[in-house]
Each structure stands twice: as structure tokens, then as C-alpha cells.
Amino acid sequence: MSADDALPEGLSGNEAIRAAEERAERTRARNRPQWDDLPIPDDTANLRLGPDLNEALLPLLPLVGVWRGEGEVVYPTIDGPFHFGQQISVAHDGRGFLSWEARAWLLDGPGGAVVRPSAREVGWWRPQPDGTIELLLAHQTGIVEIFYGTGRTQTSWELTTDAVVRTASAKEVTAATRLYGIVDGGDLAYVEERAMMGQEMQPHTSARLVRVAG
């Protein structure tokens, strides 16, 4: 499966607009948990609430929100494919970067019961004046990655690792690519390819997430 294969075909224009309107009614008042007594602006995942979006983040505006859905993980070194649920929170505090937090949980099948907590990552999206995007990610498995990329369109972004650092106890990861896109009625879809454990670059995870806040 290629990166492009992971981003599904779009709905018709009318269907997409109708789906987006229906979803907005459910999500427009929701936000990530807030610290009302914080002496500085708290992160917001809702563009209607909190500090104004920094102009530098306009190329990434569609990403802001809280997203939840399901995906699949495959690789030659595992017994999968396995299915997982995931929530991603993308927020800002008025400055020129986005905070990113993703957490996943293994499922016993598509739409199935939760088996156990799984991958977690935190990081920062840092758009630059020349149109490039820096993405810094730290994983609970002991991996830290620095991605560089650009927007392919106004609603899709492709990034490739420039550096991968790991702790002594972490598994070998040498490179990764990620493609994110806003699809059908406003869902967030992505595919990640990885080179690790002696394997060449190939598909590893893909998911489709629905906006639940923002």
C-alpha cells in the first residue's frame, strides 16, 4: 500500500458539506481539558476558544482539534496485522507551533474491545517561513524523531525523518515517512512507513480519525 492509497476517495461536494456541518454541531463546543487557573494561555484544540491562531500556523489550521478513530499496524517483524484505536490532540497557545499528543490502544479486531494501551507520542509541529515544516516527536519506546516536510495541498502534509535518535533499550528505527490528509467530510487520515529492525522502508501504520472536539 502506498501513501496515496491510504487517503480514501472523497465524497461528493454536497455529501462532504453535509457531513461536515453535522459533525460541527457536535464538536464546536468541545475542547481538550483546560487549566482555568494557569497564569499563561492554555493550549486550545478549538479555534473558536482560547488565544487567536498565530498567522504562521495557517498552513496547518485544518489539523487543529481532537481526533479519534481506528487504524491498522503491519510489519514483517510482527504477527499482525493488528487493529488499534487512537486519539490525537492538536492544539496551540497562540504562538507559532502546534502541540501534538497521540495515544493508541490495541483492539481485538475492527471496532472490537480494548486489549491494552499501546503507543504514545508527544511533539511539536513548527512551520517555517520558507514553507517547510519541522516535526519533533518523542515516543514512550525511547525513540526521538525529527521530520522535515511540506504541505502537498492545503489539506495534506508529507514528512520524512532527517534524524532518528534512540536510547540503549529502544528497538532499531532508522527512518520514517508520514502522510496526513483531511478527507471525506473532514476526517483525518494518515499512513506511516518505517525502516526498522533491519527491514527496508515499507507501510507500518495507517488510520482514519473523526474530529471529536474543535
C-alpha atoms as a PDB file:
ATOM      1  CA  MET A   1       0.000   0.000   0.000  1.00  0.00           C
ATOM      2  CA  SER A   2       1.411   3.382  -0.970  1.00  0.00           C
ATOM      3  CA  ALA A   3       0.940   6.612   0.950  1.00  0.00           C
ATOM      4  CA  ASP A   4      -1.610   7.807  -1.594  1.00  0.00           C
ATOM      5  CA  ASP A   5      -3.618   4.583  -1.212  1.00  0.00           C
ATOM      6  CA  ALA A   6      -4.169   5.357   2.471  1.00  0.00           C
ATOM      7  CA  LEU A   7      -6.100   8.571   1.763  1.00  0.00           C
ATOM      8  CA  PRO A   8      -9.566   7.482   0.643  1.00  0.00           C
ATOM      9  CA  GLU A   9     -11.563   8.848  -2.254  1.00  0.00           C
ATOM     10  CA  GLY A  10     -13.649  11.888  -1.409  1.00  0.00           C
ATOM     11  CA  LEU A  11     -17.382  12.218  -1.050  1.00  0.00           C
ATOM     12  CA  SER A  12     -19.366  14.321  -3.467  1.00  0.00           C
ATOM     13  CA  GLY A  13     -19.294  18.031  -2.690  1.00  0.00           C
ATOM     14  CA  ASN A  14     -22.807  18.092  -1.208  1.00  0.00           C
ATOM     15  CA  GLU A  15     -22.210  14.958   0.879  1.00  0.00           C
ATOM     16  CA  ALA A  16     -18.942  16.321   2.256  1.00  0.00           C
ATOM     17  CA  ILE A  17     -20.522  19.653   3.205  1.00  0.00           C
ATOM     18  CA  ARG A  18     -23.487  17.960   4.869  1.00  0.00           C
ATOM     19  CA  ALA A  19     -21.247  15.592   6.866  1.00  0.00           C
ATOM     20  CA  ALA A  20     -19.027  18.460   7.986  1.00  0.00           C
ATOM     21  CA  GLU A  21     -21.997  20.540   9.127  1.00  0.00           C
ATOM     22  CA  GLU A  22     -23.486  17.661  11.114  1.00  0.00           C
ATOM     23  CA  ARG A  23     -20.183  16.930  12.804  1.00  0.00           C
ATOM     24  CA  ALA A  24     -19.532  20.605  13.603  1.00  0.00           C
ATOM     25  CA  GLU A  25     -22.765  20.740  15.592  1.00  0.00           C
ATOM     26  CA  ARG A  26     -21.381  18.017  17.873  1.00  0.00           C
ATOM     27  CA  THR A  27     -17.793  19.235  18.195  1.00  0.00           C
ATOM     28  CA  ARG A  28     -17.896  23.050  18.100  1.00  0.00           C
ATOM     29  CA  ALA A  29     -18.270  23.461  21.891  1.00  0.00           C
ATOM     30  CA  ARG A  30     -15.762  20.747  22.893  1.00  0.00           C
ATOM     31  CA  ASN A  31     -12.089  21.269  23.679  1.00  0.00           C
ATOM     32  CA  ARG A  32      -9.179  19.464  25.284  1.00  0.00           C
ATOM     33  CA  PRO A  33      -9.142  19.658  29.124  1.00  0.00           C
ATOM     34  CA  GLN A  34      -8.345  23.188  30.272  1.00  0.00           C
ATOM     35  CA  TRP A  35      -6.472  24.621  33.259  1.00  0.00           C
ATOM     36  CA  ASP A  36      -8.535  27.704  34.058  1.00  0.00           C
ATOM     37  CA  ASP A  37      -6.089  28.892  36.729  1.00  0.00           C
ATOM     38  CA  LEU A  38      -2.973  28.696  34.536  1.00  0.00           C
ATOM     39  CA  PRO A  39      -1.261  32.137  34.565  1.00  0.00           C
ATOM     40  CA  ILE A  40      -0.452  31.906  30.833  1.00  0.00           C
ATOM     41  CA  PRO A  41      -2.671  30.981  27.855  1.00  0.00           C
ATOM     42  CA  ASP A  42      -3.520  27.283  27.943  1.00  0.00           C
ATOM     43  CA  ASP A  43      -3.396  25.131  24.811  1.00  0.00           C
ATOM     44  CA  THR A  44      -6.648  25.033  22.865  1.00  0.00           C
ATOM     45  CA  ALA A  45      -7.710  22.442  20.307  1.00  0.00           C
ATOM     46  CA  ASN A  46     -10.754  24.540  19.375  1.00  0.00           C
ATOM     47  CA  LEU A  47     -10.230  27.505  17.054  1.00  0.00           C
ATOM     48  CA  ARG A  48     -13.376  29.146  18.485  1.00  0.00           C
ATOM     49  CA  LEU A  49     -11.918  29.219  22.009  1.00  0.00           C
ATOM     50  CA  GLY A  50      -8.736  30.469  23.618  1.00  0.00           C
ATOM     51  CA  PRO A  51      -5.990  32.579  22.044  1.00  0.00           C
ATOM     52  CA  ASP A  52      -6.068  33.589  18.388  1.00  0.00           C
ATOM     53  CA  LEU A  53      -4.255  31.300  15.982  1.00  0.00           C
ATOM     54  CA  ASN A  54      -0.787  32.583  15.075  1.00  0.00           C
ATOM     55  CA  GLU A  55      -0.562  33.503  11.386  1.00  0.00           C
ATOM     56  CA  ALA A  56       2.406  31.158  10.984  1.00  0.00           C
ATOM     57  CA  LEU A  57       0.039  28.240  11.661  1.00  0.00           C
ATOM     58  CA  LEU A  58      -2.433  28.999   8.872  1.00  0.00           C
ATOM     59  CA  PRO A  59      -0.930  26.258   6.621  1.00  0.00           C
ATOM     60  CA  LEU A  60      -1.668  23.747   9.423  1.00  0.00           C
ATOM     61  CA  LEU A  61      -5.040  25.140  10.533  1.00  0.00           C
ATOM     62  CA  PRO A  62      -7.092  22.058   9.447  1.00  0.00           C
ATOM     63  CA  LEU A  63      -5.111  19.856  11.843  1.00  0.00           C
ATOM     64  CA  VAL A  64      -6.180  21.712  14.997  1.00  0.00           C
ATOM     65  CA  GLY A  65      -8.646  19.631  17.001  1.00  0.00           C
ATOM     66  CA  VAL A  66      -9.046  16.364  18.857  1.00  0.00           C
ATOM     67  CA  TRP A  67      -9.354  13.311  16.613  1.00  0.00           C
ATOM     68  CA  ARG A  68     -10.357   9.731  17.434  1.00  0.00           C
ATOM     69  CA  GLY A  69     -10.706   6.599  15.318  1.00  0.00           C
ATOM     70  CA  GLU A  70      -9.167   3.278  14.349  1.00  0.00           C
ATOM     71  CA  GLY A  71      -6.280   2.005  12.293  1.00  0.00           C
ATOM     72  CA  GLU A  72      -4.098  -0.964  11.424  1.00  0.00           C
ATOM     73  CA  VAL A  73      -0.465  -1.785  12.147  1.00  0.00           C
ATOM     74  CA  VAL A  74       1.537  -4.202   9.985  1.00  0.00           C
ATOM     75  CA  TYR A  75       5.218  -5.087   9.601  1.00  0.00           C
ATOM     76  CA  PRO A  76       7.264  -8.187   8.718  1.00  0.00           C
ATOM     77  CA  THR A  77       8.643  -8.382  12.260  1.00  0.00           C
ATOM     78  CA  ILE A  78       5.219  -8.660  13.947  1.00  0.00           C
ATOM     79  CA  ASP A  79       2.459 -11.279  13.749  1.00  0.00           C
ATOM     80  CA  GLY A  80      -0.199  -8.738  12.643  1.00  0.00           C
ATOM     81  CA  PRO A  81      -1.930  -7.020  11.152  1.00  0.00           C
ATOM     82  CA  PHE A  82      -3.283  -5.659  14.415  1.00  0.00           C
ATOM     83  CA  HIS A  83      -6.089  -3.154  14.833  1.00  0.00           C
ATOM     84  CA  PHE A  84      -5.849  -0.192  17.148  1.00  0.00           C
ATOM     85  CA  GLY A  85      -7.834   2.778  18.389  1.00  0.00           C
ATOM     86  CA  GLN A  86      -6.188   6.175  18.608  1.00  0.00           C
ATOM     87  CA  GLN A  87      -6.768   9.703  19.837  1.00  0.00           C
ATOM     88  CA  ILE A  88      -4.682  12.636  18.603  1.00  0.00           C
ATOM     89  CA  SER A  89      -4.855  16.107  20.181  1.00  0.00           C
ATOM     90  CA  VAL A  90      -3.502  19.009  18.122  1.00  0.00           C
ATOM     91  CA  ALA A  91      -3.523  22.344  19.934  1.00  0.00           C
ATOM     92  CA  HIS A  92      -1.890  25.787  20.126  1.00  0.00           C
ATOM     93  CA  ASP A  93      -1.306  28.529  22.707  1.00  0.00           C
ATOM     94  CA  GLY A  94      -1.185  31.494  20.333  1.00  0.00           C
ATOM     95  CA  ARG A  95       2.468  31.043  19.401  1.00  0.00           C
ATOM     96  CA  GLY A  96       3.833  29.734  16.103  1.00  0.00           C
ATOM     97  CA  PHE A  97       3.803  25.990  16.801  1.00  0.00           C
ATOM     98  CA  LEU A  98       1.284  23.202  17.363  1.00  0.00           C
ATOM     99  CA  SER A  99       1.451  20.795  20.282  1.00  0.00           C
ATOM    100  CA  TRP A 100       0.811  17.150  19.383  1.00  0.00           C
ATOM    101  CA  GLU A 101      -0.183  14.256  21.599  1.00  0.00           C
ATOM    102  CA  ALA A 102      -1.162  10.829  20.264  1.00  0.00           C
ATOM    103  CA  ARG A 103      -2.118   7.763  22.266  1.00  0.00           C
ATOM    104  CA  ALA A 104      -3.264   4.383  20.975  1.00  0.00           C
ATOM    105  CA  TRP A 105      -4.800   1.171  22.303  1.00  0.00           C
ATOM    106  CA  LEU A 106      -4.844  -2.302  20.771  1.00  0.00           C
ATOM    107  CA  LEU A 107      -8.221  -3.772  19.765  1.00  0.00           C
ATOM    108  CA  ASP A 108      -9.224  -7.414  19.316  1.00  0.00           C
ATOM    109  CA  GLY A 109     -10.445  -6.587  15.792  1.00  0.00           C
ATOM    110  CA  PRO A 110     -12.045  -3.775  13.787  1.00  0.00           C
ATOM    111  CA  GLY A 111     -14.437  -1.974  16.134  1.00  0.00           C
ATOM    112  CA  GLY A 112     -13.558  -4.511  18.803  1.00  0.00           C
ATOM    113  CA  ALA A 113     -12.870  -4.458  22.516  1.00  0.00           C
ATOM    114  CA  VAL A 114      -9.796  -2.813  24.003  1.00  0.00           C
ATOM    115  CA  VAL A 115      -6.974  -5.270  24.668  1.00  0.00           C
ATOM    116  CA  ARG A 116      -4.438  -2.940  26.280  1.00  0.00           C
ATOM    117  CA  PRO A 117      -2.877   0.545  25.995  1.00  0.00           C
ATOM    118  CA  SER A 118      -0.352   0.869  23.171  1.00  0.00           C
ATOM    119  CA  ALA A 119       1.842   3.524  21.517  1.00  0.00           C
ATOM    120  CA  ARG A 120       2.179   7.091  22.780  1.00  0.00           C
ATOM    121  CA  GLU A 121       3.973  10.086  21.295  1.00  0.00           C
ATOM    122  CA  VAL A 122       4.245  13.797  22.002  1.00  0.00           C
ATOM    123  CA  GLY A 123       5.762  16.562  19.944  1.00  0.00           C
ATOM    124  CA  TRP A 124       5.615  19.840  18.105  1.00  0.00           C
ATOM    125  CA  TRP A 125       4.769  20.969  14.565  1.00  0.00           C
ATOM    126  CA  ARG A 126       6.918  24.014  13.666  1.00  0.00           C
ATOM    127  CA  PRO A 127       6.092  25.636  10.305  1.00  0.00           C
ATOM    128  CA  GLN A 128       8.876  27.775   8.878  1.00  0.00           C
ATOM    129  CA  PRO A 129       8.773  30.975   6.763  1.00  0.00           C
ATOM    130  CA  ASP A 130      10.086  29.139   3.676  1.00  0.00           C
ATOM    131  CA  GLY A 131       7.110  26.740   3.709  1.00  0.00           C
ATOM    132  CA  THR A 132       8.892  23.774   5.265  1.00  0.00           C
ATOM    133  CA  ILE A 133       7.545  22.036   8.350  1.00  0.00           C
ATOM    134  CA  GLU A 134       9.606  20.729  11.245  1.00  0.00           C
ATOM    135  CA  LEU A 135       8.019  17.943  13.292  1.00  0.00           C
ATOM    136  CA  LEU A 136       9.662  16.776  16.505  1.00  0.00           C
ATOM    137  CA  LEU A 137       8.309  13.566  18.056  1.00  0.00           C
ATOM    138  CA  ALA A 138       9.236  11.646  21.206  1.00  0.00           C
ATOM    139  CA  HIS A 139       7.894   8.117  21.755  1.00  0.00           C
ATOM    140  CA  GLN A 140       7.499   6.227  25.030  1.00  0.00           C
ATOM    141  CA  THR A 141       9.575   3.437  23.453  1.00  0.00           C
ATOM    142  CA  GLY A 142      12.769   5.518  23.673  1.00  0.00           C
ATOM    143  CA  ILE A 143      12.732   6.904  20.113  1.00  0.00           C
ATOM    144  CA  VAL A 144      13.054  10.596  19.215  1.00  0.00           C
ATOM    145  CA  GLU A 145      12.497  11.640  15.583  1.00  0.00           C
ATOM    146  CA  ILE A 146      12.981  14.880  13.666  1.00  0.00           C
ATOM    147  CA  PHE A 147      10.890  15.119  10.493  1.00  0.00           C
ATOM    148  CA  TYR A 148      11.003  17.713   7.723  1.00  0.00           C
ATOM    149  CA  GLY A 149       8.228  18.145   5.209  1.00  0.00           C
ATOM    150  CA  THR A 150       5.879  20.409   3.300  1.00  0.00           C
ATOM    151  CA  GLY A 151       2.221  20.753   2.523  1.00  0.00           C
ATOM    152  CA  ARG A 152       1.258  18.800  -0.597  1.00  0.00           C
ATOM    153  CA  THR A 153      -2.056  20.656  -0.754  1.00  0.00           C
ATOM    154  CA  GLN A 154      -3.933  22.944   1.638  1.00  0.00           C
ATOM    155  CA  THR A 155      -5.202  19.831   3.460  1.00  0.00           C
ATOM    156  CA  SER A 156      -2.384  17.274   3.182  1.00  0.00           C
ATOM    157  CA  TRP A 157       1.162  17.176   4.523  1.00  0.00           C
ATOM    158  CA  GLU A 158       4.090  14.832   3.855  1.00  0.00           C
ATOM    159  CA  LEU A 159       7.107  14.485   6.144  1.00  0.00           C
ATOM    160  CA  THR A 160      10.318  12.420   6.208  1.00  0.00           C
ATOM    161  CA  THR A 161      12.783  11.862   9.028  1.00  0.00           C
ATOM    162  CA  ASP A 162      16.037  13.793   8.967  1.00  0.00           C
ATOM    163  CA  ALA A 163      17.300  12.234  12.198  1.00  0.00           C
ATOM    164  CA  VAL A 164      16.292   9.356  14.474  1.00  0.00           C
ATOM    165  CA  VAL A 165      17.798   9.011  17.958  1.00  0.00           C
ATOM    166  CA  ARG A 166      17.148   6.097  20.313  1.00  0.00           C
ATOM    167  CA  THR A 167      18.020   5.068  23.825  1.00  0.00           C
ATOM    168  CA  ALA A 168      20.101   1.980  24.533  1.00  0.00           C
ATOM    169  CA  SER A 169      16.960  -0.017  25.326  1.00  0.00           C
ATOM    170  CA  ALA A 170      14.950   1.045  22.251  1.00  0.00           C
ATOM    171  CA  LYS A 171      14.409  -1.027  19.118  1.00  0.00           C
ATOM    172  CA  GLU A 172      16.292  -0.102  15.953  1.00  0.00           C
ATOM    173  CA  VAL A 173      14.484   2.522  13.861  1.00  0.00           C
ATOM    174  CA  THR A 174      16.420   4.152  11.031  1.00  0.00           C
ATOM    175  CA  ALA A 175      13.877   6.218   9.053  1.00  0.00           C
ATOM    176  CA  ALA A 176      10.187   7.003   8.657  1.00  0.00           C
ATOM    177  CA  THR A 177       7.783   8.922   6.448  1.00  0.00           C
ATOM    178  CA  ARG A 178       4.295  10.197   7.259  1.00  0.00           C
ATOM    179  CA  LEU A 179       1.464  11.467   5.084  1.00  0.00           C
ATOM    180  CA  TYR A 180      -1.527  13.193   6.685  1.00  0.00           C
ATOM    181  CA  GLY A 181      -4.641  14.400   4.900  1.00  0.00           C
ATOM    182  CA  ILE A 182      -8.099  15.780   5.649  1.00  0.00           C
ATOM    183  CA  VAL A 183     -10.583  13.592   3.745  1.00  0.00           C
ATOM    184  CA  ASP A 184     -14.323  12.787   3.361  1.00  0.00           C
ATOM    185  CA  GLY A 185     -16.354  15.251   5.372  1.00  0.00           C
ATOM    186  CA  GLY A 186     -13.392  16.389   7.440  1.00  0.00           C
ATOM    187  CA  ASP A 187     -11.842  13.152   8.752  1.00  0.00           C
ATOM    188  CA  LEU A 188      -8.090  12.949   9.375  1.00  0.00           C
ATOM    189  CA  ALA A 189      -6.365  10.032   7.611  1.00  0.00           C
ATOM    190  CA  TYR A 190      -2.701   9.122   7.656  1.00  0.00           C
ATOM    191  CA  VAL A 191      -0.189   6.470   6.695  1.00  0.00           C
ATOM    192  CA  GLU A 192       3.269   5.927   8.138  1.00  0.00           C
ATOM    193  CA  GLU A 193       6.093   3.958   6.537  1.00  0.00           C
ATOM    194  CA  ARG A 194       9.117   2.848   8.552  1.00  0.00           C
ATOM    195  CA  ALA A 195      12.538   1.300   8.114  1.00  0.00           C
ATOM    196  CA  MET A 196      13.392  -0.601  11.287  1.00  0.00           C
ATOM    197  CA  MET A 197      14.688  -3.897  12.678  1.00  0.00           C
ATOM    198  CA  GLY A 198      16.741  -4.491   9.535  1.00  0.00           C
ATOM    199  CA  GLN A 199      13.764  -4.028   7.178  1.00  0.00           C
ATOM    200  CA  GLU A 200      13.565  -1.587   4.262  1.00  0.00           C
ATOM    201  CA  MET A 201      11.099   1.304   4.233  1.00  0.00           C
ATOM    202  CA  GLN A 202       7.534  -0.023   3.989  1.00  0.00           C
ATOM    203  CA  PRO A 203       3.999   0.586   5.362  1.00  0.00           C
ATOM    204  CA  HIS A 204       3.695   0.295   9.128  1.00  0.00           C
ATOM    205  CA  THR A 205       0.582   2.095  10.424  1.00  0.00           C
ATOM    206  CA  SER A 206      -2.472   3.751   8.889  1.00  0.00           C
ATOM    207  CA  ALA A 207      -5.617   5.154  10.454  1.00  0.00           C
ATOM    208  CA  ARG A 208      -8.691   7.252   9.895  1.00  0.00           C
ATOM    209  CA  LEU A 209      -9.839   9.553  12.697  1.00  0.00           C
ATOM    210  CA  VAL A 210     -13.015  11.564  13.229  1.00  0.00           C
ATOM    211  CA  ARG A 211     -12.988  15.023  14.786  1.00  0.00           C
ATOM    212  CA  VAL A 212     -14.407  14.840  18.328  1.00  0.00           C
ATOM    213  CA  ALA A 213     -13.540  18.367  19.501  1.00  0.00           C
ATOM    214  CA  GLY A 214     -12.805  21.663  17.826  1.00  0.00           C
END
